[in-house]
Amino acid sequence: QDFVNPGKYTVHTYNKISPQGLERFPSKFYTVAPAGDDDDGGGKRYFVLIGGESRETQGGNDRSQREFLHTSVPFIGDAYQCLREAGVERQQIITICQLNDYRSSLYKGAQGQFVSHNGVSPQFYEKQLQETDEHCRLLLEEGGADYDYEAVNPDTVWNVLCGEASQDCPTVVPQIGCSGLFFAVYSHGNSHGATAQQSDSPGGRGAVHADSQNLDDDDDDDDDD
Protein backbone atom coordinates (compact mmCIF):
# COMPACT_ATOMS: atom_id res chain seq x y z
CA GLN A 1 0.00 0.00 0.00
CA ASP A 2 2.99 2.31 0.42
CA PHE A 3 3.80 3.81 -2.98
CA VAL A 4 6.36 6.27 -1.57
CA ASN A 5 8.92 4.09 0.18
CA PRO A 6 10.53 1.45 -2.07
CA GLY A 7 10.12 -2.21 -1.22
CA LYS A 8 12.41 -5.16 -1.94
CA TYR A 9 12.97 -6.96 -5.21
CA THR A 10 12.28 -10.69 -5.14
CA VAL A 11 14.86 -12.69 -7.09
CA HIS A 12 13.30 -15.95 -8.33
CA THR A 13 15.83 -18.67 -9.06
CA TYR A 14 15.87 -21.96 -10.94
CA ASN A 15 19.16 -23.05 -9.40
CA LYS A 16 21.49 -22.03 -6.58
CA ILE A 17 22.89 -18.50 -6.67
CA SER A 18 26.51 -17.99 -5.70
CA PRO A 19 26.81 -16.17 -2.35
CA GLN A 20 29.82 -14.36 -3.78
CA GLY A 21 27.69 -13.07 -6.60
CA LEU A 22 24.94 -11.88 -4.29
CA GLU A 23 27.43 -9.99 -2.17
CA ARG A 24 27.82 -7.51 -4.99
CA PHE A 25 24.32 -6.18 -4.22
CA PRO A 26 23.13 -4.71 -0.89
CA SER A 27 20.89 -7.30 0.77
CA LYS A 28 18.41 -4.63 1.89
CA PHE A 29 17.23 -4.35 -1.70
CA TYR A 30 16.21 -7.96 -2.40
CA THR A 31 15.07 -11.34 -1.14
CA VAL A 32 15.69 -14.69 -2.81
CA ALA A 33 12.99 -17.30 -3.48
CA PRO A 34 12.85 -20.44 -5.64
CA ALA A 35 11.05 -20.13 -8.96
CA GLY A 36 7.32 -20.42 -8.50
CA ASP A 37 7.34 -19.21 -4.90
CA ASP A 38 5.65 -15.91 -4.07
CA ASP A 39 6.73 -13.59 -1.31
CA ASP A 40 3.20 -13.16 -0.01
CA GLY A 41 2.48 -16.87 0.26
CA GLY A 42 0.29 -17.43 -2.77
CA GLY A 43 -0.33 -14.22 -4.70
CA LYS A 44 -0.35 -13.98 -8.47
CA ARG A 45 1.82 -11.97 -10.80
CA TYR A 46 0.11 -9.44 -13.04
CA PHE A 47 1.13 -8.08 -16.42
CA VAL A 48 0.07 -4.62 -17.59
CA LEU A 49 0.63 -3.95 -21.30
CA ILE A 50 0.17 -0.39 -22.57
CA GLY A 51 0.15 0.68 -26.22
CA GLY A 52 -0.80 4.28 -26.84
CA GLU A 53 0.24 7.23 -28.93
CA SER A 54 -0.06 10.97 -28.49
CA ARG A 55 -3.44 12.54 -29.17
CA GLU A 56 -1.88 14.57 -31.97
CA THR A 57 -1.14 11.41 -33.98
CA GLN A 58 -3.85 8.91 -32.94
CA GLY A 59 -6.53 10.93 -31.14
CA GLY A 60 -9.52 13.07 -31.93
CA ASN A 61 -12.73 12.27 -33.74
CA ASP A 62 -11.48 13.15 -37.23
CA ARG A 63 -9.88 9.86 -38.17
CA SER A 64 -8.78 11.19 -41.57
CA GLN A 65 -6.19 13.30 -39.73
CA ARG A 66 -4.68 10.40 -37.82
CA GLU A 67 -1.37 8.88 -38.81
CA PHE A 68 -1.53 5.75 -40.92
CA LEU A 69 0.70 3.67 -38.61
CA HIS A 70 0.02 2.95 -34.95
CA THR A 71 3.23 1.10 -34.22
CA SER A 72 2.40 0.11 -30.63
CA VAL A 73 -0.64 -2.06 -31.32
CA PRO A 74 1.04 -5.09 -32.99
CA PHE A 75 3.61 -5.29 -30.18
CA ILE A 76 0.81 -5.55 -27.62
CA GLY A 77 -0.70 -8.43 -29.58
CA ASP A 78 2.64 -10.23 -29.81
CA ALA A 79 3.39 -9.73 -26.09
CA TYR A 80 -0.08 -10.91 -25.11
CA GLN A 81 0.26 -14.08 -27.16
CA CYS A 82 3.70 -14.83 -25.71
CA LEU A 83 2.36 -14.50 -22.18
CA ARG A 84 -0.64 -16.73 -22.85
CA GLU A 85 1.51 -19.37 -24.53
CA ALA A 86 3.80 -19.26 -21.49
CA GLY A 87 0.85 -20.21 -19.29
CA VAL A 88 -0.14 -16.82 -17.87
CA GLU A 89 -3.89 -16.71 -17.22
CA ARG A 90 -6.05 -14.21 -19.11
CA GLN A 91 -7.20 -12.42 -15.96
CA GLN A 92 -3.57 -11.76 -15.00
CA ILE A 93 -2.96 -9.69 -18.15
CA ILE A 94 -4.38 -6.17 -18.36
CA THR A 95 -4.17 -4.47 -21.75
CA ILE A 96 -4.53 -0.72 -22.23
CA CYS A 97 -4.37 -0.31 -25.97
CA GLN A 98 -6.14 1.43 -28.89
CA LEU A 99 -6.78 -1.92 -30.55
CA ASN A 100 -10.31 -1.60 -31.91
CA ASP A 101 -9.91 2.17 -32.07
CA TYR A 102 -7.04 1.73 -34.53
CA ARG A 103 -8.80 -1.11 -36.38
CA SER A 104 -11.81 1.14 -36.85
CA SER A 105 -9.63 3.71 -38.58
CA LEU A 106 -8.02 1.05 -40.76
CA TYR A 107 -11.43 -0.31 -41.70
CA LYS A 108 -12.68 3.12 -42.75
CA GLY A 109 -9.48 3.71 -44.72
CA ALA A 110 -9.90 0.37 -46.47
CA GLN A 111 -13.37 1.54 -47.52
CA GLY A 112 -11.77 4.54 -49.26
CA GLN A 113 -13.03 7.15 -46.80
CA PHE A 114 -9.63 8.84 -46.28
CA VAL A 115 -8.00 8.76 -49.71
CA SER A 116 -9.14 12.29 -50.58
CA HIS A 117 -7.62 13.59 -47.31
CA ASN A 118 -4.23 11.89 -47.15
CA GLY A 119 -3.77 10.12 -50.49
CA VAL A 120 -3.18 6.75 -48.84
CA SER A 121 -4.60 3.97 -51.00
CA PRO A 122 -7.37 1.77 -49.53
CA GLN A 123 -5.18 -1.24 -50.35
CA PHE A 124 -2.58 -0.05 -47.85
CA TYR A 125 -5.22 0.29 -45.14
CA GLU A 126 -6.57 -3.17 -45.93
CA LYS A 127 -3.09 -4.72 -45.74
CA GLN A 128 -2.37 -2.94 -42.45
CA LEU A 129 -5.70 -4.14 -41.02
CA GLN A 130 -4.90 -7.74 -41.96
CA GLU A 131 -1.41 -7.52 -40.42
CA THR A 132 -2.76 -5.92 -37.24
CA ASP A 133 -5.40 -8.63 -36.91
CA GLU A 134 -2.76 -11.31 -37.36
CA HIS A 135 -0.52 -9.88 -34.63
CA CYS A 136 -3.50 -9.42 -32.30
CA ARG A 137 -5.44 -12.56 -33.26
CA LEU A 138 -5.41 -14.21 -29.83
CA LEU A 139 -6.11 -10.96 -27.99
CA LEU A 140 -9.13 -10.34 -30.23
CA GLU A 141 -10.36 -13.92 -29.79
CA GLU A 142 -10.19 -13.52 -26.02
CA GLY A 143 -12.19 -10.32 -25.84
CA GLY A 144 -9.89 -7.56 -27.08
CA ALA A 145 -8.17 -4.90 -25.00
CA ASP A 146 -9.40 -4.30 -21.47
CA TYR A 147 -9.27 -0.55 -22.14
CA ASP A 148 -9.71 0.83 -25.65
CA TYR A 149 -10.62 4.10 -27.43
CA GLU A 150 -10.38 7.11 -25.11
CA ALA A 151 -10.06 4.84 -22.10
CA VAL A 152 -6.41 4.66 -23.14
CA ASN A 153 -5.24 7.60 -21.04
CA PRO A 154 -3.04 8.37 -17.99
CA ASP A 155 -6.01 8.19 -15.59
CA THR A 156 -6.65 4.59 -16.59
CA VAL A 157 -2.99 3.67 -16.18
CA TRP A 158 -2.87 5.23 -12.71
CA ASN A 159 -6.08 3.54 -11.54
CA VAL A 160 -5.03 0.14 -12.90
CA LEU A 161 -1.63 0.24 -11.23
CA CYS A 162 -2.99 1.54 -7.91
CA GLY A 163 -5.79 -1.02 -7.82
CA GLU A 164 -8.48 1.66 -7.75
CA ALA A 165 -11.41 -0.14 -9.36
CA SER A 166 -14.54 1.73 -10.43
CA GLN A 167 -17.38 1.49 -12.92
CA ASP A 168 -15.18 3.11 -15.58
CA CYS A 169 -12.09 1.15 -14.57
CA PRO A 170 -13.24 -2.32 -13.45
CA THR A 171 -10.13 -4.35 -14.27
CA VAL A 172 -7.17 -3.40 -12.08
CA VAL A 173 -4.14 -4.91 -10.39
CA PRO A 174 -5.52 -6.15 -7.05
CA GLN A 175 -4.23 -4.42 -3.94
CA ILE A 176 -4.25 -7.77 -2.13
CA GLY A 177 -2.98 -10.97 -3.73
CA CYS A 178 -0.49 -9.47 -6.20
CA SER A 179 2.98 -10.90 -5.70
CA GLY A 180 4.64 -9.20 -8.67
CA LEU A 181 3.97 -6.72 -11.47
CA PHE A 182 5.32 -6.62 -15.01
CA PHE A 183 4.69 -3.17 -16.45
CA ALA A 184 5.43 -2.63 -20.15
CA VAL A 185 4.86 0.53 -22.19
CA TYR A 186 5.14 0.22 -25.96
CA SER A 187 5.75 3.61 -27.56
CA HIS A 188 8.44 5.53 -29.35
CA GLY A 189 9.18 8.17 -26.81
CA ASN A 190 6.61 10.81 -27.65
CA SER A 191 5.24 13.01 -24.90
CA HIS A 192 1.78 12.21 -23.57
CA GLY A 193 -0.38 14.71 -21.76
CA ALA A 194 -1.25 13.59 -18.24
CA THR A 195 -4.68 15.16 -17.94
CA ALA A 196 -8.00 13.53 -17.15
CA GLN A 197 -10.43 13.37 -20.03
CA GLN A 198 -14.16 12.84 -19.77
CA SER A 199 -15.63 10.93 -22.67
CA ASP A 200 -18.61 8.78 -23.54
CA SER A 201 -16.55 6.75 -26.01
CA PRO A 202 -16.74 3.01 -25.43
CA GLY A 203 -13.91 1.45 -23.50
CA GLY A 204 -13.25 -1.87 -21.94
CA ARG A 205 -13.12 -5.45 -23.02
CA GLY A 206 -15.86 -6.48 -25.40
CA ALA A 207 -17.06 -2.92 -26.01
CA VAL A 208 -16.61 -3.40 -29.76
CA HIS A 209 -16.93 -6.67 -31.60
CA ALA A 210 -13.70 -8.07 -32.97
CA ASP A 211 -14.98 -8.78 -36.49
CA SER A 212 -14.21 -6.08 -39.04
CA GLN A 213 -17.78 -5.68 -40.31
CA ASN A 214 -18.67 -3.97 -37.02
CA LEU A 215 -15.73 -1.58 -37.05
CA ASP A 216 -17.69 1.12 -38.89
CA ASP A 217 -20.16 1.61 -36.04
CA ASP A 218 -18.08 3.45 -33.43
CA ASP A 219 -18.90 6.95 -34.67
CA ASP A 220 -20.58 8.74 -37.53
CA ASP A 221 -19.03 12.18 -37.11
CA ASP A 222 -15.88 11.50 -39.10
CA ASP A 223 -17.42 10.21 -42.32
CA ASP A 224 -16.57 12.19 -45.41
CA ASP A 225 -20.10 12.32 -46.83
C-alpha atoms as a PDB file:
ATOM      1  CA  GLN A   1       0.000   0.000   0.000  1.00  0.00           C
ATOM      2  CA  ASP A   2       2.985   2.305   0.422  1.00  0.00           C
ATOM      3  CA  PHE A   3       3.805   3.812  -2.977  1.00  0.00           C
ATOM      4  CA  VAL A   4       6.359   6.270  -1.570  1.00  0.00           C
ATOM      5  CA  ASN A   5       8.919   4.089   0.177  1.00  0.00           C
ATOM      6  CA  PRO A   6      10.527   1.449  -2.072  1.00  0.00           C
ATOM      7  CA  GLY A   7      10.123  -2.209  -1.223  1.00  0.00           C
ATOM      8  CA  LYS A   8      12.410  -5.162  -1.938  1.00  0.00           C
ATOM      9  CA  TYR A   9      12.970  -6.955  -5.207  1.00  0.00           C
ATOM     10  CA  THR A  10      12.280 -10.695  -5.144  1.00  0.00           C
ATOM     11  CA  VAL A  11      14.856 -12.695  -7.091  1.00  0.00           C
ATOM     12  CA  HIS A  12      13.301 -15.953  -8.334  1.00  0.00           C
ATOM     13  CA  THR A  13      15.832 -18.666  -9.058  1.00  0.00           C
ATOM     14  CA  TYR A  14      15.873 -21.958 -10.942  1.00  0.00           C
ATOM     15  CA  ASN A  15      19.161 -23.045  -9.397  1.00  0.00           C
ATOM     16  CA  LYS A  16      21.492 -22.028  -6.581  1.00  0.00           C
ATOM     17  CA  ILE A  17      22.892 -18.497  -6.667  1.00  0.00           C
ATOM     18  CA  SER A  18      26.509 -17.991  -5.699  1.00  0.00           C
ATOM     19  CA  PRO A  19      26.814 -16.174  -2.352  1.00  0.00           C
ATOM     20  CA  GLN A  20      29.818 -14.358  -3.781  1.00  0.00           C
ATOM     21  CA  GLY A  21      27.685 -13.070  -6.602  1.00  0.00           C
ATOM     22  CA  LEU A  22      24.936 -11.876  -4.285  1.00  0.00           C
ATOM     23  CA  GLU A  23      27.426  -9.986  -2.165  1.00  0.00           C
ATOM     24  CA  ARG A  24      27.818  -7.513  -4.994  1.00  0.00           C
ATOM     25  CA  PHE A  25      24.323  -6.176  -4.221  1.00  0.00           C
ATOM     26  CA  PRO A  26      23.133  -4.711  -0.889  1.00  0.00           C
ATOM     27  CA  SER A  27      20.886  -7.301   0.769  1.00  0.00           C
ATOM     28  CA  LYS A  28      18.409  -4.634   1.886  1.00  0.00           C
ATOM     29  CA  PHE A  29      17.225  -4.346  -1.704  1.00  0.00           C
ATOM     30  CA  TYR A  30      16.205  -7.956  -2.399  1.00  0.00           C
ATOM     31  CA  THR A  31      15.069 -11.337  -1.138  1.00  0.00           C
ATOM     32  CA  VAL A  32      15.694 -14.693  -2.811  1.00  0.00           C
ATOM     33  CA  ALA A  33      12.991 -17.298  -3.480  1.00  0.00           C
ATOM     34  CA  PRO A  34      12.845 -20.442  -5.642  1.00  0.00           C
ATOM     35  CA  ALA A  35      11.053 -20.126  -8.962  1.00  0.00           C
ATOM     36  CA  GLY A  36       7.316 -20.417  -8.504  1.00  0.00           C
ATOM     37  CA  ASP A  37       7.338 -19.205  -4.901  1.00  0.00           C
ATOM     38  CA  ASP A  38       5.652 -15.909  -4.070  1.00  0.00           C
ATOM     39  CA  ASP A  39       6.734 -13.594  -1.310  1.00  0.00           C
ATOM     40  CA  ASP A  40       3.198 -13.165  -0.008  1.00  0.00           C
ATOM     41  CA  GLY A  41       2.477 -16.870   0.258  1.00  0.00           C
ATOM     42  CA  GLY A  42       0.292 -17.426  -2.768  1.00  0.00           C
ATOM     43  CA  GLY A  43      -0.333 -14.218  -4.696  1.00  0.00           C
ATOM     44  CA  LYS A  44      -0.350 -13.976  -8.467  1.00  0.00           C
ATOM     45  CA  ARG A  45       1.822 -11.974 -10.799  1.00  0.00           C
ATOM     46  CA  TYR A  46       0.111  -9.441 -13.044  1.00  0.00           C
ATOM     47  CA  PHE A  47       1.134  -8.080 -16.423  1.00  0.00           C
ATOM     48  CA  VAL A  48       0.066  -4.619 -17.591  1.00  0.00           C
ATOM     49  CA  LEU A  49       0.634  -3.951 -21.296  1.00  0.00           C
ATOM     50  CA  ILE A  50       0.175  -0.395 -22.573  1.00  0.00           C
ATOM     51  CA  GLY A  51       0.145   0.679 -26.225  1.00  0.00           C
ATOM     52  CA  GLY A  52      -0.800   4.284 -26.838  1.00  0.00           C
ATOM     53  CA  GLU A  53       0.242   7.233 -28.929  1.00  0.00           C
ATOM     54  CA  SER A  54      -0.059  10.974 -28.492  1.00  0.00           C
ATOM     55  CA  ARG A  55      -3.442  12.545 -29.168  1.00  0.00           C
ATOM     56  CA  GLU A  56      -1.877  14.573 -31.968  1.00  0.00           C
ATOM     57  CA  THR A  57      -1.143  11.412 -33.976  1.00  0.00           C
ATOM     58  CA  GLN A  58      -3.850   8.911 -32.939  1.00  0.00           C
ATOM     59  CA  GLY A  59      -6.530  10.929 -31.145  1.00  0.00           C
ATOM     60  CA  GLY A  60      -9.523  13.073 -31.934  1.00  0.00           C
ATOM     61  CA  ASN A  61     -12.730  12.273 -33.738  1.00  0.00           C
ATOM     62  CA  ASP A  62     -11.479  13.146 -37.235  1.00  0.00           C
ATOM     63  CA  ARG A  63      -9.877   9.856 -38.174  1.00  0.00           C
ATOM     64  CA  SER A  64      -8.780  11.189 -41.567  1.00  0.00           C
ATOM     65  CA  GLN A  65      -6.191  13.303 -39.729  1.00  0.00           C
ATOM     66  CA  ARG A  66      -4.679  10.402 -37.817  1.00  0.00           C
ATOM     67  CA  GLU A  67      -1.371   8.884 -38.807  1.00  0.00           C
ATOM     68  CA  PHE A  68      -1.529   5.746 -40.916  1.00  0.00           C
ATOM     69  CA  LEU A  69       0.697   3.666 -38.614  1.00  0.00           C
ATOM     70  CA  HIS A  70       0.024   2.954 -34.952  1.00  0.00           C
ATOM     71  CA  THR A  71       3.225   1.098 -34.223  1.00  0.00           C
ATOM     72  CA  SER A  72       2.400   0.113 -30.632  1.00  0.00           C
ATOM     73  CA  VAL A  73      -0.637  -2.055 -31.320  1.00  0.00           C
ATOM     74  CA  PRO A  74       1.038  -5.087 -32.988  1.00  0.00           C
ATOM     75  CA  PHE A  75       3.609  -5.289 -30.175  1.00  0.00           C
ATOM     76  CA  ILE A  76       0.812  -5.545 -27.618  1.00  0.00           C
ATOM     77  CA  GLY A  77      -0.698  -8.425 -29.584  1.00  0.00           C
ATOM     78  CA  ASP A  78       2.641 -10.227 -29.806  1.00  0.00           C
ATOM     79  CA  ALA A  79       3.388  -9.728 -26.094  1.00  0.00           C
ATOM     80  CA  TYR A  80      -0.081 -10.912 -25.107  1.00  0.00           C
ATOM     81  CA  GLN A  81       0.255 -14.084 -27.163  1.00  0.00           C
ATOM     82  CA  CYS A  82       3.705 -14.828 -25.713  1.00  0.00           C
ATOM     83  CA  LEU A  83       2.356 -14.498 -22.178  1.00  0.00           C
ATOM     84  CA  ARG A  84      -0.642 -16.730 -22.850  1.00  0.00           C
ATOM     85  CA  GLU A  85       1.514 -19.368 -24.525  1.00  0.00           C
ATOM     86  CA  ALA A  86       3.797 -19.264 -21.486  1.00  0.00           C
ATOM     87  CA  GLY A  87       0.850 -20.208 -19.288  1.00  0.00           C
ATOM     88  CA  VAL A  88      -0.142 -16.818 -17.872  1.00  0.00           C
ATOM     89  CA  GLU A  89      -3.894 -16.707 -17.217  1.00  0.00           C
ATOM     90  CA  ARG A  90      -6.051 -14.209 -19.105  1.00  0.00           C
ATOM     91  CA  GLN A  91      -7.196 -12.423 -15.962  1.00  0.00           C
ATOM     92  CA  GLN A  92      -3.567 -11.759 -15.003  1.00  0.00           C
ATOM     93  CA  ILE A  93      -2.958  -9.691 -18.148  1.00  0.00           C
ATOM     94  CA  ILE A  94      -4.377  -6.170 -18.365  1.00  0.00           C
ATOM     95  CA  THR A  95      -4.170  -4.470 -21.746  1.00  0.00           C
ATOM     96  CA  ILE A  96      -4.530  -0.715 -22.230  1.00  0.00           C
ATOM     97  CA  CYS A  97      -4.370  -0.306 -25.974  1.00  0.00           C
ATOM     98  CA  GLN A  98      -6.141   1.433 -28.887  1.00  0.00           C
ATOM     99  CA  LEU A  99      -6.779  -1.919 -30.549  1.00  0.00           C
ATOM    100  CA  ASN A 100     -10.311  -1.601 -31.913  1.00  0.00           C
ATOM    101  CA  ASP A 101      -9.912   2.172 -32.067  1.00  0.00           C
ATOM    102  CA  TYR A 102      -7.041   1.733 -34.530  1.00  0.00           C
ATOM    103  CA  ARG A 103      -8.802  -1.110 -36.375  1.00  0.00           C
ATOM    104  CA  SER A 104     -11.813   1.142 -36.847  1.00  0.00           C
ATOM    105  CA  SER A 105      -9.630   3.713 -38.577  1.00  0.00           C
ATOM    106  CA  LEU A 106      -8.024   1.051 -40.757  1.00  0.00           C
ATOM    107  CA  TYR A 107     -11.431  -0.307 -41.704  1.00  0.00           C
ATOM    108  CA  LYS A 108     -12.676   3.125 -42.750  1.00  0.00           C
ATOM    109  CA  GLY A 109      -9.484   3.715 -44.723  1.00  0.00           C
ATOM    110  CA  ALA A 110      -9.902   0.371 -46.469  1.00  0.00           C
ATOM    111  CA  GLN A 111     -13.373   1.540 -47.518  1.00  0.00           C
ATOM    112  CA  GLY A 112     -11.771   4.537 -49.257  1.00  0.00           C
ATOM    113  CA  GLN A 113     -13.031   7.155 -46.798  1.00  0.00           C
ATOM    114  CA  PHE A 114      -9.635   8.837 -46.284  1.00  0.00           C
ATOM    115  CA  VAL A 115      -8.000   8.763 -49.713  1.00  0.00           C
ATOM    116  CA  SER A 116      -9.135  12.292 -50.577  1.00  0.00           C
ATOM    117  CA  HIS A 117      -7.621  13.587 -47.315  1.00  0.00           C
ATOM    118  CA  ASN A 118      -4.234  11.889 -47.155  1.00  0.00           C
ATOM    119  CA  GLY A 119      -3.768  10.124 -50.486  1.00  0.00           C
ATOM    120  CA  VAL A 120      -3.182   6.747 -48.838  1.00  0.00           C
ATOM    121  CA  SER A 121      -4.596   3.966 -50.998  1.00  0.00           C
ATOM    122  CA  PRO A 122      -7.371   1.773 -49.530  1.00  0.00           C
ATOM    123  CA  GLN A 123      -5.185  -1.244 -50.347  1.00  0.00           C
ATOM    124  CA  PHE A 124      -2.576  -0.052 -47.846  1.00  0.00           C
ATOM    125  CA  TYR A 125      -5.219   0.286 -45.141  1.00  0.00           C
ATOM    126  CA  GLU A 126      -6.566  -3.173 -45.925  1.00  0.00           C
ATOM    127  CA  LYS A 127      -3.086  -4.718 -45.745  1.00  0.00           C
ATOM    128  CA  GLN A 128      -2.371  -2.944 -42.452  1.00  0.00           C
ATOM    129  CA  LEU A 129      -5.702  -4.137 -41.018  1.00  0.00           C
ATOM    130  CA  GLN A 130      -4.899  -7.736 -41.961  1.00  0.00           C
ATOM    131  CA  GLU A 131      -1.414  -7.518 -40.423  1.00  0.00           C
ATOM    132  CA  THR A 132      -2.758  -5.920 -37.235  1.00  0.00           C
ATOM    133  CA  ASP A 133      -5.402  -8.631 -36.913  1.00  0.00           C
ATOM    134  CA  GLU A 134      -2.758 -11.313 -37.357  1.00  0.00           C
ATOM    135  CA  HIS A 135      -0.524  -9.876 -34.626  1.00  0.00           C
ATOM    136  CA  CYS A 136      -3.500  -9.424 -32.295  1.00  0.00           C
ATOM    137  CA  ARG A 137      -5.440 -12.557 -33.262  1.00  0.00           C
ATOM    138  CA  LEU A 138      -5.409 -14.210 -29.830  1.00  0.00           C
ATOM    139  CA  LEU A 139      -6.114 -10.959 -27.988  1.00  0.00           C
ATOM    140  CA  LEU A 140      -9.127 -10.339 -30.233  1.00  0.00           C
ATOM    141  CA  GLU A 141     -10.356 -13.922 -29.791  1.00  0.00           C
ATOM    142  CA  GLU A 142     -10.192 -13.523 -26.017  1.00  0.00           C
ATOM    143  CA  GLY A 143     -12.191 -10.316 -25.844  1.00  0.00           C
ATOM    144  CA  GLY A 144      -9.890  -7.556 -27.075  1.00  0.00           C
ATOM    145  CA  ALA A 145      -8.166  -4.897 -25.005  1.00  0.00           C
ATOM    146  CA  ASP A 146      -9.401  -4.302 -21.473  1.00  0.00           C
ATOM    147  CA  TYR A 147      -9.269  -0.546 -22.139  1.00  0.00           C
ATOM    148  CA  ASP A 148      -9.711   0.833 -25.649  1.00  0.00           C
ATOM    149  CA  TYR A 149     -10.622   4.098 -27.425  1.00  0.00           C
ATOM    150  CA  GLU A 150     -10.378   7.114 -25.114  1.00  0.00           C
ATOM    151  CA  ALA A 151     -10.062   4.838 -22.098  1.00  0.00           C
ATOM    152  CA  VAL A 152      -6.412   4.658 -23.137  1.00  0.00           C
ATOM    153  CA  ASN A 153      -5.236   7.603 -21.037  1.00  0.00           C
ATOM    154  CA  PRO A 154      -3.042   8.367 -17.995  1.00  0.00           C
ATOM    155  CA  ASP A 155      -6.013   8.193 -15.595  1.00  0.00           C
ATOM    156  CA  THR A 156      -6.654   4.594 -16.588  1.00  0.00           C
ATOM    157  CA  VAL A 157      -2.992   3.668 -16.176  1.00  0.00           C
ATOM    158  CA  TRP A 158      -2.872   5.230 -12.714  1.00  0.00           C
ATOM    159  CA  ASN A 159      -6.076   3.541 -11.538  1.00  0.00           C
ATOM    160  CA  VAL A 160      -5.035   0.143 -12.897  1.00  0.00           C
ATOM    161  CA  LEU A 161      -1.630   0.236 -11.225  1.00  0.00           C
ATOM    162  CA  CYS A 162      -2.985   1.538  -7.914  1.00  0.00           C
ATOM    163  CA  GLY A 163      -5.788  -1.024  -7.822  1.00  0.00           C
ATOM    164  CA  GLU A 164      -8.484   1.656  -7.746  1.00  0.00           C
ATOM    165  CA  ALA A 165     -11.411  -0.142  -9.360  1.00  0.00           C
ATOM    166  CA  SER A 166     -14.540   1.728 -10.431  1.00  0.00           C
ATOM    167  CA  GLN A 167     -17.384   1.486 -12.925  1.00  0.00           C
ATOM    168  CA  ASP A 168     -15.185   3.111 -15.581  1.00  0.00           C
ATOM    169  CA  CYS A 169     -12.090   1.150 -14.569  1.00  0.00           C
ATOM    170  CA  PRO A 170     -13.241  -2.317 -13.453  1.00  0.00           C
ATOM    171  CA  THR A 171     -10.130  -4.350 -14.275  1.00  0.00           C
ATOM    172  CA  VAL A 172      -7.165  -3.396 -12.083  1.00  0.00           C
ATOM    173  CA  VAL A 173      -4.137  -4.913 -10.388  1.00  0.00           C
ATOM    174  CA  PRO A 174      -5.516  -6.148  -7.046  1.00  0.00           C
ATOM    175  CA  GLN A 175      -4.228  -4.423  -3.937  1.00  0.00           C
ATOM    176  CA  ILE A 176      -4.249  -7.773  -2.134  1.00  0.00           C
ATOM    177  CA  GLY A 177      -2.983 -10.968  -3.735  1.00  0.00           C
ATOM    178  CA  CYS A 178      -0.485  -9.473  -6.204  1.00  0.00           C
ATOM    179  CA  SER A 179       2.982 -10.896  -5.697  1.00  0.00           C
ATOM    180  CA  GLY A 180       4.636  -9.203  -8.671  1.00  0.00           C
ATOM    181  CA  LEU A 181       3.969  -6.723 -11.468  1.00  0.00           C
ATOM    182  CA  PHE A 182       5.323  -6.625 -15.010  1.00  0.00           C
ATOM    183  CA  PHE A 183       4.691  -3.166 -16.448  1.00  0.00           C
ATOM    184  CA  ALA A 184       5.427  -2.631 -20.147  1.00  0.00           C
ATOM    185  CA  VAL A 185       4.862   0.529 -22.191  1.00  0.00           C
ATOM    186  CA  TYR A 186       5.141   0.222 -25.956  1.00  0.00           C
ATOM    187  CA  SER A 187       5.751   3.607 -27.560  1.00  0.00           C
ATOM    188  CA  HIS A 188       8.439   5.532 -29.351  1.00  0.00           C
ATOM    189  CA  GLY A 189       9.180   8.166 -26.806  1.00  0.00           C
ATOM    190  CA  ASN A 190       6.610  10.808 -27.647  1.00  0.00           C
ATOM    191  CA  SER A 191       5.241  13.015 -24.896  1.00  0.00           C
ATOM    192  CA  HIS A 192       1.779  12.209 -23.575  1.00  0.00           C
ATOM    193  CA  GLY A 193      -0.382  14.709 -21.762  1.00  0.00           C
ATOM    194  CA  ALA A 194      -1.250  13.588 -18.237  1.00  0.00           C
ATOM    195  CA  THR A 195      -4.676  15.164 -17.944  1.00  0.00           C
ATOM    196  CA  ALA A 196      -7.995  13.532 -17.146  1.00  0.00           C
ATOM    197  CA  GLN A 197     -10.427  13.366 -20.034  1.00  0.00           C
ATOM    198  CA  GLN A 198     -14.159  12.844 -19.774  1.00  0.00           C
ATOM    199  CA  SER A 199     -15.633  10.927 -22.666  1.00  0.00           C
ATOM    200  CA  ASP A 200     -18.614   8.776 -23.542  1.00  0.00           C
ATOM    201  CA  SER A 201     -16.555   6.754 -26.008  1.00  0.00           C
ATOM    202  CA  PRO A 202     -16.743   3.014 -25.427  1.00  0.00           C
ATOM    203  CA  GLY A 203     -13.906   1.450 -23.503  1.00  0.00           C
ATOM    204  CA  GLY A 204     -13.250  -1.870 -21.942  1.00  0.00           C
ATOM    205  CA  ARG A 205     -13.117  -5.455 -23.022  1.00  0.00           C
ATOM    206  CA  GLY A 206     -15.862  -6.484 -25.397  1.00  0.00           C
ATOM    207  CA  ALA A 207     -17.064  -2.923 -26.007  1.00  0.00           C
ATOM    208  CA  VAL A 208     -16.607  -3.398 -29.755  1.00  0.00           C
ATOM    209  CA  HIS A 209     -16.934  -6.672 -31.603  1.00  0.00           C
ATOM    210  CA  ALA A 210     -13.702  -8.067 -32.968  1.00  0.00           C
ATOM    211  CA  ASP A 211     -14.985  -8.777 -36.486  1.00  0.00           C
ATOM    212  CA  SER A 212     -14.214  -6.081 -39.037  1.00  0.00           C
ATOM    213  CA  GLN A 213     -17.778  -5.680 -40.306  1.00  0.00           C
ATOM    214  CA  ASN A 214     -18.667  -3.970 -37.017  1.00  0.00           C
ATOM    215  CA  LEU A 215     -15.728  -1.581 -37.053  1.00  0.00           C
ATOM    216  CA  ASP A 216     -17.692   1.119 -38.888  1.00  0.00           C
ATOM    217  CA  ASP A 217     -20.162   1.614 -36.039  1.00  0.00           C
ATOM    218  CA  ASP A 218     -18.078   3.450 -33.428  1.00  0.00           C
ATOM    219  CA  ASP A 219     -18.905   6.952 -34.665  1.00  0.00           C
ATOM    220  CA  ASP A 220     -20.578   8.736 -37.532  1.00  0.00           C
ATOM    221  CA  ASP A 221     -19.028  12.175 -37.114  1.00  0.00           C
ATOM    222  CA  ASP A 222     -15.884  11.499 -39.097  1.00  0.00           C
ATOM    223  CA  ASP A 223     -17.416  10.209 -42.322  1.00  0.00           C
ATOM    224  CA  ASP A 224     -16.568  12.190 -45.411  1.00  0.00           C
ATOM    225  CA  ASP A 225     -20.098  12.323 -46.827  1.00  0.00           C
END
